[in-house]
N, C-alpha and C. Protein backbone atom coordinates (compact mmCIF):
# COMPACT_ATOMS: atom_id res chain seq x y z
N SER A 1 0.84 -1.19 0.00
CA SER A 1 0.00 0.00 0.00
C SER A 1 0.88 1.25 0.00
N ARG A 2 0.28 2.36 -0.36
CA ARG A 2 1.02 3.63 -0.38
C ARG A 2 1.52 3.99 1.00
N THR A 3 0.70 3.77 2.01
CA THR A 3 1.12 4.10 3.38
C THR A 3 2.26 3.20 3.82
N GLU A 4 2.22 1.93 3.46
CA GLU A 4 3.32 1.00 3.78
C GLU A 4 4.61 1.47 3.12
N ALA A 5 4.52 1.92 1.87
CA ALA A 5 5.70 2.43 1.16
C ALA A 5 6.26 3.66 1.85
N ARG A 6 5.38 4.51 2.37
CA ARG A 6 5.84 5.71 3.08
C ARG A 6 6.56 5.31 4.36
N LEU A 7 6.08 4.28 5.05
CA LEU A 7 6.76 3.80 6.25
C LEU A 7 8.14 3.25 5.89
N CYS A 8 8.24 2.51 4.81
CA CYS A 8 9.53 1.99 4.36
C CYS A 8 10.51 3.13 4.11
N ALA A 9 10.03 4.21 3.55
CA ALA A 9 10.88 5.35 3.25
C ALA A 9 11.46 5.97 4.51
N LEU A 10 10.77 5.84 5.64
CA LEU A 10 11.27 6.39 6.90
C LEU A 10 12.54 5.67 7.35
N ALA A 11 12.69 4.41 6.96
CA ALA A 11 13.85 3.62 7.37
C ALA A 11 14.60 3.12 6.14
N ALA A 12 14.75 3.96 5.14
CA ALA A 12 15.29 3.52 3.86
C ALA A 12 16.81 3.52 3.79
N ARG A 13 17.48 3.85 4.83
CA ARG A 13 18.94 3.86 4.80
C ARG A 13 19.47 2.43 4.76
N ASP A 14 20.64 2.28 4.14
CA ASP A 14 21.25 0.94 4.04
C ASP A 14 21.47 0.32 5.41
N SER A 15 21.89 1.12 6.38
CA SER A 15 22.14 0.58 7.72
C SER A 15 20.85 0.05 8.34
N ALA A 16 19.75 0.74 8.11
CA ALA A 16 18.45 0.29 8.64
C ALA A 16 18.05 -1.02 7.99
N ARG A 17 18.30 -1.14 6.71
CA ARG A 17 17.96 -2.38 6.00
C ARG A 17 18.79 -3.54 6.53
N ARG A 18 20.09 -3.32 6.72
CA ARG A 18 20.96 -4.39 7.24
C ARG A 18 20.54 -4.79 8.65
N LEU A 19 20.31 -3.81 9.49
CA LEU A 19 19.88 -4.08 10.85
C LEU A 19 18.49 -4.71 10.85
N GLY A 20 17.69 -4.37 9.88
CA GLY A 20 16.32 -4.87 9.78
C GLY A 20 16.24 -6.38 9.65
N ARG A 21 17.21 -6.98 9.03
CA ARG A 21 17.20 -8.44 8.89
C ARG A 21 17.32 -9.09 10.27
N GLN A 22 18.17 -8.54 11.11
CA GLN A 22 18.29 -9.05 12.48
C GLN A 22 17.09 -8.65 13.33
N ALA A 23 16.56 -7.47 13.08
CA ALA A 23 15.38 -7.01 13.83
C ALA A 23 14.21 -7.94 13.55
N ALA A 24 14.05 -8.35 12.31
CA ALA A 24 12.96 -9.26 11.96
C ALA A 24 13.06 -10.55 12.76
N ALA A 25 14.28 -11.04 12.95
CA ALA A 25 14.48 -12.27 13.71
C ALA A 25 14.24 -12.04 15.21
N ALA A 26 14.49 -10.83 15.69
CA ALA A 26 14.36 -10.54 17.13
C ALA A 26 12.92 -10.19 17.53
N LEU A 27 12.10 -9.80 16.58
CA LEU A 27 10.72 -9.43 16.90
C LEU A 27 9.89 -10.69 17.17
N PRO A 28 9.01 -10.63 18.15
CA PRO A 28 8.17 -11.80 18.41
C PRO A 28 7.12 -11.98 17.33
N GLY A 29 6.75 -13.21 17.09
CA GLY A 29 5.66 -13.49 16.15
C GLY A 29 6.12 -13.52 14.71
N THR A 30 5.18 -13.68 13.83
CA THR A 30 5.44 -13.73 12.40
C THR A 30 5.75 -12.33 11.90
N VAL A 31 6.76 -12.25 11.06
CA VAL A 31 7.17 -10.95 10.54
C VAL A 31 6.90 -10.92 9.03
N ALA A 32 5.83 -10.25 8.67
CA ALA A 32 5.48 -10.03 7.26
C ALA A 32 5.25 -8.54 7.09
N ALA A 33 5.60 -8.02 5.92
CA ALA A 33 5.52 -6.58 5.69
C ALA A 33 4.15 -5.99 6.04
N PRO A 34 3.04 -6.58 5.57
CA PRO A 34 1.75 -5.98 5.92
C PRO A 34 1.49 -5.96 7.43
N ASP A 35 1.93 -7.01 8.13
CA ASP A 35 1.74 -7.06 9.58
C ASP A 35 2.59 -6.01 10.30
N LEU A 36 3.83 -5.84 9.84
CA LEU A 36 4.70 -4.83 10.44
C LEU A 36 4.14 -3.43 10.22
N ALA A 37 3.73 -3.15 9.00
CA ALA A 37 3.17 -1.83 8.69
C ALA A 37 1.91 -1.59 9.51
N ALA A 38 1.05 -2.59 9.59
CA ALA A 38 -0.19 -2.45 10.37
C ALA A 38 0.11 -2.20 11.84
N ALA A 39 1.10 -2.90 12.38
CA ALA A 39 1.46 -2.72 13.79
C ALA A 39 1.94 -1.29 14.06
N VAL A 40 2.76 -0.75 13.16
CA VAL A 40 3.24 0.62 13.33
C VAL A 40 2.07 1.59 13.20
N LEU A 41 1.28 1.44 12.16
CA LEU A 41 0.17 2.36 11.94
C LEU A 41 -0.86 2.29 13.06
N ASP A 42 -1.14 1.10 13.57
CA ASP A 42 -2.09 0.95 14.67
C ASP A 42 -1.59 1.63 15.94
N SER A 43 -0.28 1.75 16.09
CA SER A 43 0.28 2.36 17.30
C SER A 43 0.27 3.89 17.26
N LEU A 44 0.00 4.46 16.09
CA LEU A 44 0.00 5.91 15.95
C LEU A 44 -1.37 6.48 16.33
N PRO A 45 -1.39 7.69 16.88
CA PRO A 45 -2.67 8.33 17.19
C PRO A 45 -3.54 8.42 15.94
N GLY A 46 -4.76 7.95 16.03
CA GLY A 46 -5.67 7.99 14.90
C GLY A 46 -5.55 6.79 13.98
N GLY A 47 -4.54 5.95 14.20
CA GLY A 47 -4.39 4.72 13.45
C GLY A 47 -4.14 4.90 11.96
N PRO A 48 -4.36 3.84 11.20
CA PRO A 48 -4.05 3.85 9.77
C PRO A 48 -4.83 4.89 8.97
N ARG A 49 -6.06 5.11 9.35
CA ARG A 49 -6.89 6.05 8.58
C ARG A 49 -6.29 7.46 8.64
N ARG A 50 -5.91 7.89 9.84
CA ARG A 50 -5.31 9.22 9.97
C ARG A 50 -3.96 9.27 9.28
N ALA A 51 -3.16 8.20 9.45
CA ALA A 51 -1.82 8.18 8.86
C ALA A 51 -1.88 8.33 7.35
N ALA A 52 -2.88 7.74 6.72
CA ALA A 52 -3.01 7.83 5.27
C ALA A 52 -3.24 9.26 4.81
N ALA A 53 -3.80 10.09 5.66
CA ALA A 53 -4.11 11.47 5.29
C ALA A 53 -2.99 12.45 5.65
N LEU A 54 -1.95 11.98 6.33
CA LEU A 54 -0.88 12.87 6.79
C LEU A 54 0.15 13.14 5.71
N GLY A 55 0.75 14.31 5.81
CA GLY A 55 1.91 14.61 4.98
C GLY A 55 3.12 13.88 5.55
N ASP A 56 4.19 13.84 4.77
CA ASP A 56 5.39 13.11 5.19
C ASP A 56 6.00 13.66 6.48
N ASP A 57 6.06 14.98 6.61
CA ASP A 57 6.64 15.57 7.82
C ASP A 57 5.83 15.20 9.06
N GLU A 58 4.52 15.26 8.95
CA GLU A 58 3.66 14.92 10.08
C GLU A 58 3.78 13.42 10.41
N MET A 59 3.88 12.59 9.40
CA MET A 59 4.06 11.15 9.62
C MET A 59 5.36 10.89 10.37
N ARG A 60 6.44 11.56 9.93
CA ARG A 60 7.73 11.41 10.61
C ARG A 60 7.63 11.84 12.07
N ARG A 61 6.91 12.94 12.32
CA ARG A 61 6.77 13.43 13.69
C ARG A 61 6.01 12.43 14.56
N LEU A 62 4.93 11.89 14.03
CA LEU A 62 4.16 10.91 14.81
C LEU A 62 4.96 9.65 15.08
N VAL A 63 5.72 9.20 14.09
CA VAL A 63 6.56 8.02 14.29
C VAL A 63 7.65 8.32 15.33
N ALA A 64 8.26 9.48 15.25
CA ALA A 64 9.28 9.87 16.24
C ALA A 64 8.68 9.92 17.64
N ASP A 65 7.47 10.45 17.75
CA ASP A 65 6.78 10.47 19.05
C ASP A 65 6.54 9.06 19.56
N ARG A 66 6.16 8.15 18.66
CA ARG A 66 5.90 6.76 19.04
C ARG A 66 7.19 6.09 19.50
N VAL A 67 8.30 6.38 18.82
CA VAL A 67 9.60 5.83 19.21
C VAL A 67 9.95 6.27 20.63
N ARG A 68 9.78 7.56 20.90
CA ARG A 68 10.05 8.07 22.26
C ARG A 68 9.15 7.38 23.28
N ALA A 69 7.88 7.21 22.95
CA ALA A 69 6.94 6.55 23.85
C ALA A 69 7.35 5.09 24.09
N ASP A 70 7.82 4.42 23.05
CA ASP A 70 8.29 3.03 23.22
C ASP A 70 9.40 2.98 24.26
N PHE A 71 10.36 3.89 24.16
CA PHE A 71 11.45 3.89 25.13
C PHE A 71 10.93 4.19 26.54
N GLU A 72 10.04 5.15 26.65
CA GLU A 72 9.46 5.47 27.96
C GLU A 72 8.72 4.29 28.56
N GLU A 73 8.07 3.50 27.71
CA GLU A 73 7.29 2.35 28.14
C GLU A 73 8.12 1.07 28.17
N GLU A 74 9.42 1.21 27.89
CA GLU A 74 10.37 0.10 27.84
C GLU A 74 9.96 -0.98 26.85
N GLU A 75 9.39 -0.55 25.75
CA GLU A 75 9.03 -1.44 24.65
C GLU A 75 10.20 -1.43 23.67
N THR A 76 11.23 -2.20 23.99
CA THR A 76 12.45 -2.19 23.20
C THR A 76 12.80 -3.61 22.74
N VAL A 77 13.68 -3.65 21.75
CA VAL A 77 14.17 -4.90 21.19
C VAL A 77 15.68 -4.79 21.09
N ASN A 78 16.40 -5.82 21.56
CA ASN A 78 17.85 -5.84 21.45
C ASN A 78 18.20 -6.51 20.12
N VAL A 79 18.88 -5.76 19.27
CA VAL A 79 19.25 -6.26 17.95
C VAL A 79 20.75 -6.06 17.77
N CYS A 80 21.49 -7.15 17.84
CA CYS A 80 22.95 -7.10 17.64
C CYS A 80 23.61 -6.09 18.57
N GLY A 81 23.15 -6.01 19.80
CA GLY A 81 23.72 -5.08 20.77
C GLY A 81 23.12 -3.69 20.74
N TRP A 82 22.29 -3.41 19.76
CA TRP A 82 21.60 -2.13 19.68
C TRP A 82 20.26 -2.26 20.39
N VAL A 83 19.90 -1.27 21.17
CA VAL A 83 18.58 -1.25 21.79
C VAL A 83 17.71 -0.33 20.95
N LEU A 84 16.74 -0.93 20.27
CA LEU A 84 15.83 -0.19 19.41
C LEU A 84 14.45 -0.16 20.04
N SER A 85 13.73 0.90 19.79
CA SER A 85 12.34 0.90 20.20
C SER A 85 11.63 -0.15 19.34
N ARG A 86 10.52 -0.65 19.83
CA ARG A 86 9.75 -1.64 19.07
C ARG A 86 9.39 -1.08 17.70
N THR A 87 9.03 0.20 17.66
CA THR A 87 8.66 0.83 16.39
C THR A 87 9.85 0.89 15.45
N GLU A 88 11.02 1.27 15.95
CA GLU A 88 12.22 1.30 15.10
C GLU A 88 12.54 -0.08 14.55
N ALA A 89 12.45 -1.08 15.41
CA ALA A 89 12.73 -2.45 14.96
C ALA A 89 11.76 -2.86 13.86
N ARG A 90 10.50 -2.53 14.03
CA ARG A 90 9.51 -2.87 13.01
C ARG A 90 9.81 -2.14 11.70
N LEU A 91 10.16 -0.86 11.78
CA LEU A 91 10.47 -0.10 10.56
C LEU A 91 11.71 -0.64 9.86
N CYS A 92 12.73 -0.98 10.63
CA CYS A 92 13.95 -1.55 10.03
C CYS A 92 13.64 -2.89 9.38
N ALA A 93 12.86 -3.74 10.05
CA ALA A 93 12.48 -5.03 9.47
C ALA A 93 11.66 -4.81 8.20
N LEU A 94 10.77 -3.85 8.23
CA LEU A 94 9.95 -3.53 7.06
C LEU A 94 10.83 -3.09 5.89
N ALA A 95 11.81 -2.25 6.16
CA ALA A 95 12.73 -1.79 5.12
C ALA A 95 13.54 -2.96 4.55
N ALA A 96 13.97 -3.87 5.42
CA ALA A 96 14.74 -5.04 4.95
C ALA A 96 13.87 -5.94 4.08
N LEU A 97 12.64 -6.18 4.51
CA LEU A 97 11.73 -7.01 3.71
C LEU A 97 11.44 -6.37 2.35
N ASP A 98 11.28 -5.04 2.36
CA ASP A 98 11.02 -4.32 1.12
C ASP A 98 12.24 -4.43 0.19
N ASP A 99 13.43 -4.32 0.77
CA ASP A 99 14.67 -4.43 0.00
C ASP A 99 14.79 -5.84 -0.61
N ASP A 100 14.49 -6.86 0.19
CA ASP A 100 14.54 -8.24 -0.30
C ASP A 100 13.55 -8.46 -1.43
N ARG A 101 12.37 -7.87 -1.28
CA ARG A 101 11.33 -8.02 -2.29
C ARG A 101 11.74 -7.39 -3.63
N ARG A 102 12.49 -6.31 -3.56
CA ARG A 102 12.89 -5.58 -4.77
C ARG A 102 14.02 -6.29 -5.52
N ARG A 103 14.70 -7.19 -4.86
CA ARG A 103 15.85 -7.89 -5.51
C ARG A 103 15.41 -8.96 -6.43
């Protein structure tokens, strides 16, 4: 979906993609791109419907707010010695899956 593609763009750096492969393994449950995108969007204020209507800057701000909230709530994932918020881990895994799909 367009919104899923926008989420991938938030973590489109090569380092995020590389870390994303390990993040996918560290996240609990099945890791599929639609599920990861839905989990991130569901965690944002207003959910997927609001996110679809947001501009890129506002989407980045809401995701950054969610990342901070994850750390405050101790919703973190240890990935290769890095402590990522659950949202960051999901975005990195999403970027890695998107990269694999494009190959």
